[in-house]
Amino acid sequence: ETNFKTIVLSDIHLGTKGSKAKEVVRFLKQYQCENLILN
């Protein structure tokens, strides 16, 4: 895993067919951070 100070994610659009929810979870498992901003 790669550890970051801060990660910013936006526009996940959970609840829609186009949302890549599985990929988001996999991404967040791959990386760690002290601050996560969901914008």
All heavy atoms as atom14 arrays in JSON, in Angstrom:
{
  "sequence": "ETNFKTIVLSDIHLGTKGSKAKEVVRFLKQYQCENLILN",
  "atom14_mask": [
    [1, 1, 1, 1, 1, 1, 1, 1, 1, 0, 0, 0, 0, 0],
    [1, 1, 1, 1, 1, 1, 1, 0, 0, 0, 0, 0, 0, 0],
    [1, 1, 1, 1, 1, 1, 1, 1, 0, 0, 0, 0, 0, 0],
    [1, 1, 1, 1, 1, 1, 1, 1, 1, 1, 1, 0, 0, 0],
    [1, 1, 1, 1, 1, 1, 1, 1, 1, 0, 0, 0, 0, 0],
    [1, 1, 1, 1, 1, 1, 1, 0, 0, 0, 0, 0, 0, 0],
    [1, 1, 1, 1, 1, 1, 1, 1, 0, 0, 0, 0, 0, 0],
    [1, 1, 1, 1, 1, 1, 1, 0, 0, 0, 0, 0, 0, 0],
    [1, 1, 1, 1, 1, 1, 1, 1, 0, 0, 0, 0, 0, 0],
    [1, 1, 1, 1, 1, 1, 0, 0, 0, 0, 0, 0, 0, 0],
    [1, 1, 1, 1, 1, 1, 1, 1, 0, 0, 0, 0, 0, 0],
    [1, 1, 1, 1, 1, 1, 1, 1, 0, 0, 0, 0, 0, 0],
    [1, 1, 1, 1, 1, 1, 1, 1, 1, 1, 0, 0, 0, 0],
    [1, 1, 1, 1, 1, 1, 1, 1, 0, 0, 0, 0, 0, 0],
    [1, 1, 1, 1, 0, 0, 0, 0, 0, 0, 0, 0, 0, 0],
    [1, 1, 1, 1, 1, 1, 1, 0, 0, 0, 0, 0, 0, 0],
    [1, 1, 1, 1, 1, 1, 1, 1, 1, 0, 0, 0, 0, 0],
    [1, 1, 1, 1, 0, 0, 0, 0, 0, 0, 0, 0, 0, 0],
    [1, 1, 1, 1, 1, 1, 0, 0, 0, 0, 0, 0, 0, 0],
    [1, 1, 1, 1, 1, 1, 1, 1, 1, 0, 0, 0, 0, 0],
    [1, 1, 1, 1, 1, 0, 0, 0, 0, 0, 0, 0, 0, 0],
    [1, 1, 1, 1, 1, 1, 1, 1, 1, 0, 0, 0, 0, 0],
    [1, 1, 1, 1, 1, 1, 1, 1, 1, 0, 0, 0, 0, 0],
    [1, 1, 1, 1, 1, 1, 1, 0, 0, 0, 0, 0, 0, 0],
    [1, 1, 1, 1, 1, 1, 1, 0, 0, 0, 0, 0, 0, 0],
    [1, 1, 1, 1, 1, 1, 1, 1, 1, 1, 1, 0, 0, 0],
    [1, 1, 1, 1, 1, 1, 1, 1, 1, 1, 1, 0, 0, 0],
    [1, 1, 1, 1, 1, 1, 1, 1, 0, 0, 0, 0, 0, 0],
    [1, 1, 1, 1, 1, 1, 1, 1, 1, 0, 0, 0, 0, 0],
    [1, 1, 1, 1, 1, 1, 1, 1, 1, 0, 0, 0, 0, 0],
    [1, 1, 1, 1, 1, 1, 1, 1, 1, 1, 1, 1, 0, 0],
    [1, 1, 1, 1, 1, 1, 1, 1, 1, 0, 0, 0, 0, 0],
    [1, 1, 1, 1, 1, 1, 0, 0, 0, 0, 0, 0, 0, 0],
    [1, 1, 1, 1, 1, 1, 1, 1, 1, 0, 0, 0, 0, 0],
    [1, 1, 1, 1, 1, 1, 1, 1, 0, 0, 0, 0, 0, 0],
    [1, 1, 1, 1, 1, 1, 1, 1, 0, 0, 0, 0, 0, 0],
    [1, 1, 1, 1, 1, 1, 1, 1, 0, 0, 0, 0, 0, 0],
    [1, 1, 1, 1, 1, 1, 1, 1, 0, 0, 0, 0, 0, 0],
    [1, 1, 1, 1, 1, 1, 1, 1, 0, 0, 0, 0, 0, 0]
  ],
  "atom14_positions": [
    [[0.83, -1.2, 0.0], [0.0, 0.0, 0.0], [0.86, 1.25, 0.0], [1.96, 1.28, 0.54], [-0.91, 0.02, 1.23], [-1.97, -1.07, 1.2], [-2.9, -0.98, 2.38], [-2.43, -0.65, 3.48], [-4.09, -1.25, 2.2], [0.0, 0.0, 0.0], [0.0, 0.0, 0.0], [0.0, 0.0, 0.0], [0.0, 0.0, 0.0], [0.0, 0.0, 0.0]],
    [[0.35, 2.27, -0.65], [1.02, 3.56, -0.68], [0.28, 4.5, 0.24], [-0.94, 4.62, 0.19], [1.02, 4.12, -2.11], [1.67, 3.19, -2.97], [1.75, 5.44, -2.18], [0.0, 0.0, 0.0], [0.0, 0.0, 0.0], [0.0, 0.0, 0.0], [0.0, 0.0, 0.0], [0.0, 0.0, 0.0], [0.0, 0.0, 0.0], [0.0, 0.0, 0.0]],
    [[1.01, 5.17, 1.09], [0.41, 6.04, 2.1], [0.56, 7.5, 1.69], [1.65, 7.98, 1.43], [1.08, 5.8, 3.46], [0.36, 6.49, 4.59], [0.29, 7.71, 4.63], [-0.17, 5.7, 5.5], [0.0, 0.0, 0.0], [0.0, 0.0, 0.0], [0.0, 0.0, 0.0], [0.0, 0.0, 0.0], [0.0, 0.0, 0.0], [0.0, 0.0, 0.0]],
    [[-0.57, 8.21, 1.65], [-0.59, 9.62, 1.28], [-0.98, 10.48, 2.47], [-1.55, 10.0, 3.45], [-1.59, 9.87, 0.16], [-1.21, 9.25, -1.16], [-1.82, 8.1, -1.61], [-0.22, 9.82, -1.94], [-1.48, 7.53, -2.83], [0.14, 9.27, -3.16], [-0.49, 8.11, -3.61], [0.0, 0.0, 0.0], [0.0, 0.0, 0.0], [0.0, 0.0, 0.0]],
    [[-0.68, 11.73, 2.37], [-1.16, 12.69, 3.36], [-2.65, 12.96, 3.13], [-3.45, 12.9, 4.05], [-0.36, 13.99, 3.27], [-0.83, 15.09, 4.21], [-0.67, 14.72, 5.67], [0.8, 14.67, 6.05], [0.99, 14.41, 7.5], [0.0, 0.0, 0.0], [0.0, 0.0, 0.0], [0.0, 0.0, 0.0], [0.0, 0.0, 0.0], [0.0, 0.0, 0.0]],
    [[-3.02, 13.28, 1.88], [-4.4, 13.65, 1.58], [-4.82, 13.09, 0.22], [-4.04, 13.11, -0.73], [-4.57, 15.18, 1.58], [-4.24, 15.69, 2.86], [-6.0, 15.58, 1.24], [0.0, 0.0, 0.0], [0.0, 0.0, 0.0], [0.0, 0.0, 0.0], [0.0, 0.0, 0.0], [0.0, 0.0, 0.0], [0.0, 0.0, 0.0], [0.0, 0.0, 0.0]],
    [[-6.05, 12.59, 0.15], [-6.64, 12.14, -1.1], [-7.98, 12.86, -1.27], [-8.75, 13.0, -0.32], [-6.85, 10.62, -1.13], [-5.51, 9.89, -1.2], [-7.73, 10.21, -2.31], [-5.62, 8.37, -1.15], [0.0, 0.0, 0.0], [0.0, 0.0, 0.0], [0.0, 0.0, 0.0], [0.0, 0.0, 0.0], [0.0, 0.0, 0.0], [0.0, 0.0, 0.0]],
    [[-8.24, 13.33, -2.49], [-9.51, 13.99, -2.8], [-10.23, 13.22, -3.89], [-9.67, 12.98, -4.96], [-9.29, 15.45, -3.28], [-10.64, 16.13, -3.53], [-8.48, 16.24, -2.26], [0.0, 0.0, 0.0], [0.0, 0.0, 0.0], [0.0, 0.0, 0.0], [0.0, 0.0, 0.0], [0.0, 0.0, 0.0], [0.0, 0.0, 0.0], [0.0, 0.0, 0.0]],
    [[-11.47, 12.8, -3.6], [-12.33, 12.14, -4.58], [-13.59, 12.97, -4.74], [-14.07, 13.58, -3.79], [-12.72, 10.73, -4.12], [-11.63, 9.71, -3.8], [-12.28, 8.43, -3.32], [-10.78, 9.45, -5.01], [0.0, 0.0, 0.0], [0.0, 0.0, 0.0], [0.0, 0.0, 0.0], [0.0, 0.0, 0.0], [0.0, 0.0, 0.0], [0.0, 0.0, 0.0]],
    [[-14.16, 12.95, -5.94], [-15.44, 13.62, -6.15], [-16.23, 12.89, -7.23], [-15.7, 12.03, -7.94], [-15.22, 15.08, -6.57], [-14.64, 15.15, -7.86], [0.0, 0.0, 0.0], [0.0, 0.0, 0.0], [0.0, 0.0, 0.0], [0.0, 0.0, 0.0], [0.0, 0.0, 0.0], [0.0, 0.0, 0.0], [0.0, 0.0, 0.0], [0.0, 0.0, 0.0]],
    [[-17.52, 13.21, -7.31], [-18.38, 12.74, -8.39], [-18.36, 11.21, -8.56], [-18.13, 10.7, -9.66], [-17.99, 13.43, -9.7], [-18.16, 14.94, -9.6], [-19.28, 15.44, -9.84], [-17.17, 15.63, -9.26], [0.0, 0.0, 0.0], [0.0, 0.0, 0.0], [0.0, 0.0, 0.0], [0.0, 0.0, 0.0], [0.0, 0.0, 0.0], [0.0, 0.0, 0.0]],
    [[-18.62, 10.5, -7.48], [-18.72, 9.04, -7.53], [-20.11, 8.62, -8.0], [-20.29, 7.59, -8.63], [-18.39, 8.43, -6.15], [-16.97, 8.83, -5.73], [-18.53, 6.92, -6.18], [-16.58, 8.35, -4.33], [0.0, 0.0, 0.0], [0.0, 0.0, 0.0], [0.0, 0.0, 0.0], [0.0, 0.0, 0.0], [0.0, 0.0, 0.0], [0.0, 0.0, 0.0]],
    [[-21.12, 9.41, -7.68], [-22.5, 9.2, -8.13], [-23.04, 7.82, -7.75], [-23.58, 7.09, -8.6], [-22.61, 9.42, -9.65], [-22.44, 10.86, -10.05], [-23.48, 11.77, -10.02], [-21.34, 11.56, -10.46], [-23.03, 12.95, -10.4], [-21.75, 12.86, -10.67], [0.0, 0.0, 0.0], [0.0, 0.0, 0.0], [0.0, 0.0, 0.0], [0.0, 0.0, 0.0]],
    [[-22.89, 7.48, -6.48], [-23.45, 6.22, -5.98], [-24.97, 6.25, -6.13], [-25.62, 7.25, -5.83], [-23.07, 6.03, -4.52], [-21.58, 5.91, -4.22], [-21.33, 5.86, -2.72], [-20.99, 4.68, -4.9], [0.0, 0.0, 0.0], [0.0, 0.0, 0.0], [0.0, 0.0, 0.0], [0.0, 0.0, 0.0], [0.0, 0.0, 0.0], [0.0, 0.0, 0.0]],
    [[-25.54, 5.12, -6.57], [-26.97, 5.05, -6.83], [-27.3, 5.05, -8.3], [-28.46, 4.91, -8.68], [0.0, 0.0, 0.0], [0.0, 0.0, 0.0], [0.0, 0.0, 0.0], [0.0, 0.0, 0.0], [0.0, 0.0, 0.0], [0.0, 0.0, 0.0], [0.0, 0.0, 0.0], [0.0, 0.0, 0.0], [0.0, 0.0, 0.0], [0.0, 0.0, 0.0]],
    [[-26.26, 5.21, -9.14], [-26.46, 5.2, -10.59], [-25.77, 3.98, -11.21], [-24.85, 3.4, -10.62], [-25.89, 6.46, -11.25], [-24.46, 6.44, -11.15], [-26.41, 7.71, -10.55], [0.0, 0.0, 0.0], [0.0, 0.0, 0.0], [0.0, 0.0, 0.0], [0.0, 0.0, 0.0], [0.0, 0.0, 0.0], [0.0, 0.0, 0.0], [0.0, 0.0, 0.0]],
    [[-26.2, 3.62, -12.41], [-25.61, 2.48, -13.1], [-24.17, 2.76, -13.51], [-23.35, 1.86, -13.59], [-26.44, 2.14, -14.34], [-27.82, 1.58, -14.02], [-28.58, 1.23, -15.3], [-29.95, 0.66, -14.98], [-30.71, 0.33, -16.22], [0.0, 0.0, 0.0], [0.0, 0.0, 0.0], [0.0, 0.0, 0.0], [0.0, 0.0, 0.0], [0.0, 0.0, 0.0]],
    [[-23.88, 4.04, -13.78], [-22.55, 4.38, -14.26], [-21.49, 4.48, -13.18], [-20.3, 4.54, -13.48], [0.0, 0.0, 0.0], [0.0, 0.0, 0.0], [0.0, 0.0, 0.0], [0.0, 0.0, 0.0], [0.0, 0.0, 0.0], [0.0, 0.0, 0.0], [0.0, 0.0, 0.0], [0.0, 0.0, 0.0], [0.0, 0.0, 0.0], [0.0, 0.0, 0.0]],
    [[-21.9, 4.49, -11.91], [-20.95, 4.65, -10.82], [-20.03, 3.44, -10.71], [-20.48, 2.29, -10.69], [-21.7, 4.85, -9.5], [-20.79, 4.92, -8.42], [0.0, 0.0, 0.0], [0.0, 0.0, 0.0], [0.0, 0.0, 0.0], [0.0, 0.0, 0.0], [0.0, 0.0, 0.0], [0.0, 0.0, 0.0], [0.0, 0.0, 0.0], [0.0, 0.0, 0.0]],
    [[-18.73, 3.7, -10.61], [-17.74, 2.62, -10.49], [-17.43, 2.37, -9.01], [-16.3, 2.57, -8.54], [-16.47, 2.99, -11.26], [-16.7, 3.29, -12.73], [-17.28, 2.1, -13.46], [-17.3, 2.33, -14.99], [-18.22, 3.41, -15.39], [0.0, 0.0, 0.0], [0.0, 0.0, 0.0], [0.0, 0.0, 0.0], [0.0, 0.0, 0.0], [0.0, 0.0, 0.0]],
    [[-18.44, 1.91, -8.28], [-18.3, 1.71, -6.83], [-17.25, 0.66, -6.48], [-16.47, 0.84, -5.54], [-19.66, 1.32, -6.23], [0.0, 0.0, 0.0], [0.0, 0.0, 0.0], [0.0, 0.0, 0.0], [0.0, 0.0, 0.0], [0.0, 0.0, 0.0], [0.0, 0.0, 0.0], [0.0, 0.0, 0.0], [0.0, 0.0, 0.0], [0.0, 0.0, 0.0]],
    [[-17.21, -0.44, -7.22], [-16.23, -1.49, -6.94], [-14.81, -0.96, -7.1], [-13.91, -1.29, -6.31], [-16.46, -2.68, -7.86], [-17.75, -3.45, -7.58], [-17.89, -4.64, -8.51], [-19.17, -5.42, -8.23], [-19.33, -6.57, -9.15], [0.0, 0.0, 0.0], [0.0, 0.0, 0.0], [0.0, 0.0, 0.0], [0.0, 0.0, 0.0], [0.0, 0.0, 0.0]],
    [[-14.62, -0.14, -8.13], [-13.29, 0.43, -8.37], [-12.9, 1.41, -7.26], [-11.73, 1.47, -6.87], [-13.28, 1.13, -9.73], [-13.28, 0.2, -10.93], [-14.67, -0.32, -11.28], [-15.64, -0.07, -10.54], [-14.79, -1.01, -12.31], [0.0, 0.0, 0.0], [0.0, 0.0, 0.0], [0.0, 0.0, 0.0], [0.0, 0.0, 0.0], [0.0, 0.0, 0.0]],
    [[-13.87, 2.16, -6.75], [-13.59, 3.08, -5.64], [-13.11, 2.31, -4.42], [-12.12, 2.68, -3.79], [-14.85, 3.91, -5.29], [-14.59, 4.74, -4.04], [-15.24, 4.82, -6.44], [0.0, 0.0, 0.0], [0.0, 0.0, 0.0], [0.0, 0.0, 0.0], [0.0, 0.0, 0.0], [0.0, 0.0, 0.0], [0.0, 0.0, 0.0], [0.0, 0.0, 0.0]],
    [[-13.81, 1.24, -4.09], [-13.43, 0.43, -2.93], [-12.03, -0.15, -3.12], [-11.19, -0.13, -2.21], [-14.45, -0.71, -2.69], [-13.94, -1.67, -1.61], [-15.8, -0.13, -2.29], [0.0, 0.0, 0.0], [0.0, 0.0, 0.0], [0.0, 0.0, 0.0], [0.0, 0.0, 0.0], [0.0, 0.0, 0.0], [0.0, 0.0, 0.0], [0.0, 0.0, 0.0]],
    [[-11.76, -0.65, -4.3], [-10.44, -1.24, -4.58], [-9.35, -0.18, -4.48], [-8.26, -0.44, -3.97], [-10.45, -1.86, -5.98], [-9.27, -2.8, -6.21], [-9.33, -3.42, -7.59], [-8.28, -4.42, -7.75], [-7.91, -4.93, -8.91], [-8.52, -4.53, -10.03], [-6.94, -5.84, -8.98], [0.0, 0.0, 0.0], [0.0, 0.0, 0.0], [0.0, 0.0, 0.0]],
    [[-9.64, 1.01, -4.98], [-8.69, 2.11, -4.9], [-8.39, 2.46, -3.44], [-7.23, 2.63, -3.05], [-9.26, 3.32, -5.64], [-8.41, 4.56, -5.52], [-7.34, 4.77, -6.38], [-8.67, 5.52, -4.56], [-6.55, 5.91, -6.29], [-7.89, 6.66, -4.45], [-6.83, 6.85, -5.31], [0.0, 0.0, 0.0], [0.0, 0.0, 0.0], [0.0, 0.0, 0.0]],
    [[-9.43, 2.59, -2.62], [-9.26, 2.97, -1.22], [-8.59, 1.87, -0.4], [-8.0, 2.15, 0.64], [-10.61, 3.35, -0.61], [-11.24, 4.64, -1.15], [-12.61, 4.86, -0.52], [-10.33, 5.84, -0.89], [0.0, 0.0, 0.0], [0.0, 0.0, 0.0], [0.0, 0.0, 0.0], [0.0, 0.0, 0.0], [0.0, 0.0, 0.0], [0.0, 0.0, 0.0]],
    [[-8.67, 0.64, -0.85], [-7.95, -0.45, -0.19], [-6.47, -0.42, -0.57], [-5.61, -0.84, 0.21], [-8.55, -1.81, -0.57], [-9.88, -2.11, 0.1], [-10.38, -3.49, -0.29], [-11.67, -3.83, 0.43], [-12.19, -5.17, 0.04], [0.0, 0.0, 0.0], [0.0, 0.0, 0.0], [0.0, 0.0, 0.0], [0.0, 0.0, 0.0], [0.0, 0.0, 0.0]],
    [[-6.19, 0.07, -1.75], [-4.81, 0.12, -2.23], [-4.02, 1.23, -1.54], [-2.82, 1.09, -1.3], [-4.81, 0.36, -3.75], [-3.45, 0.43, -4.4], [-2.85, -0.95, -4.64], [-3.45, -1.95, -4.28], [-1.67, -1.0, -5.24], [0.0, 0.0, 0.0], [0.0, 0.0, 0.0], [0.0, 0.0, 0.0], [0.0, 0.0, 0.0], [0.0, 0.0, 0.0]],
    [[-4.69, 2.33, -1.23], [-4.01, 3.5, -0.67], [-4.54, 3.86, 0.71], [-5.71, 3.65, 1.01], [-4.19, 4.71, -1.6], [-3.56, 4.51, -2.95], [-4.36, 4.3, -4.07], [-2.18, 4.53, -3.11], [-3.77, 4.11, -5.32], [-1.6, 4.35, -4.34], [-2.4, 4.13, -5.44], [-1.83, 3.94, -6.67], [0.0, 0.0, 0.0], [0.0, 0.0, 0.0]],
    [[-3.67, 4.42, 1.51], [-4.03, 4.95, 2.82], [-3.77, 6.46, 2.82], [-2.94, 6.95, 2.06], [-3.21, 4.29, 3.92], [-3.52, 2.81, 4.1], [-2.67, 2.2, 5.21], [-1.57, 2.66, 5.49], [-3.19, 1.16, 5.84], [0.0, 0.0, 0.0], [0.0, 0.0, 0.0], [0.0, 0.0, 0.0], [0.0, 0.0, 0.0], [0.0, 0.0, 0.0]],
    [[-4.47, 7.17, 3.69], [-4.25, 8.61, 3.77], [-4.66, 9.12, 5.15], [-5.47, 8.49, 5.84], [-5.05, 9.34, 2.69], [-6.82, 9.06, 2.75], [0.0, 0.0, 0.0], [0.0, 0.0, 0.0], [0.0, 0.0, 0.0], [0.0, 0.0, 0.0], [0.0, 0.0, 0.0], [0.0, 0.0, 0.0], [0.0, 0.0, 0.0], [0.0, 0.0, 0.0]],
    [[-4.09, 10.24, 5.53], [-4.46, 10.86, 6.79], [-5.74, 11.68, 6.65], [-6.52, 11.8, 7.59], [-3.32, 11.75, 7.28], [-2.06, 10.98, 7.63], [-0.94, 11.87, 8.12], [-1.2, 13.07, 8.38], [0.2, 11.38, 8.25], [0.0, 0.0, 0.0], [0.0, 0.0, 0.0], [0.0, 0.0, 0.0], [0.0, 0.0, 0.0], [0.0, 0.0, 0.0]],
    [[-5.95, 12.26, 5.46], [-7.14, 13.06, 5.19], [-7.79, 12.57, 3.91], [-7.12, 12.46, 2.88], [-6.78, 14.54, 5.03], [-6.0, 15.09, 6.21], [-6.52, 15.2, 7.3], [-4.74, 15.41, 5.97], [0.0, 0.0, 0.0], [0.0, 0.0, 0.0], [0.0, 0.0, 0.0], [0.0, 0.0, 0.0], [0.0, 0.0, 0.0], [0.0, 0.0, 0.0]],
    [[-9.08, 12.28, 3.98], [-9.84, 11.9, 2.79], [-10.95, 12.93, 2.6], [-11.82, 13.09, 3.46], [-10.46, 10.51, 2.94], [-11.39, 10.06, 1.81], [-10.62, 9.94, 0.5], [-12.06, 8.73, 2.16], [0.0, 0.0, 0.0], [0.0, 0.0, 0.0], [0.0, 0.0, 0.0], [0.0, 0.0, 0.0], [0.0, 0.0, 0.0], [0.0, 0.0, 0.0]],
    [[-10.91, 13.65, 1.48], [-11.91, 14.67, 1.18], [-12.81, 14.15, 0.07], [-12.35, 13.88, -1.04], [-11.25, 16.0, 0.77], [-10.37, 16.52, 1.91], [-12.32, 17.04, 0.4], [-9.59, 17.77, 1.57], [0.0, 0.0, 0.0], [0.0, 0.0, 0.0], [0.0, 0.0, 0.0], [0.0, 0.0, 0.0], [0.0, 0.0, 0.0], [0.0, 0.0, 0.0]],
    [[-14.09, 13.98, 0.39], [-15.09, 13.55, -0.58], [-15.81, 14.8, -1.07], [-16.69, 15.33, -0.4], [-16.07, 12.57, 0.09], [-15.43, 11.33, 0.72], [-16.46, 10.52, 1.49], [-14.76, 10.46, -0.35], [0.0, 0.0, 0.0], [0.0, 0.0, 0.0], [0.0, 0.0, 0.0], [0.0, 0.0, 0.0], [0.0, 0.0, 0.0], [0.0, 0.0, 0.0]],
    [[-15.42, 15.26, -2.24], [-15.8, 16.6, -2.68], [-17.05, 16.62, -3.58], [-17.01, 17.06, -4.72], [-14.63, 17.28, -3.4], [-14.82, 18.78, -3.52], [-15.75, 19.34, -2.97], [-13.94, 19.42, -4.27], [0.0, 0.0, 0.0], [0.0, 0.0, 0.0], [0.0, 0.0, 0.0], [0.0, 0.0, 0.0], [0.0, 0.0, 0.0], [0.0, 0.0, 0.0]]
  ]
}
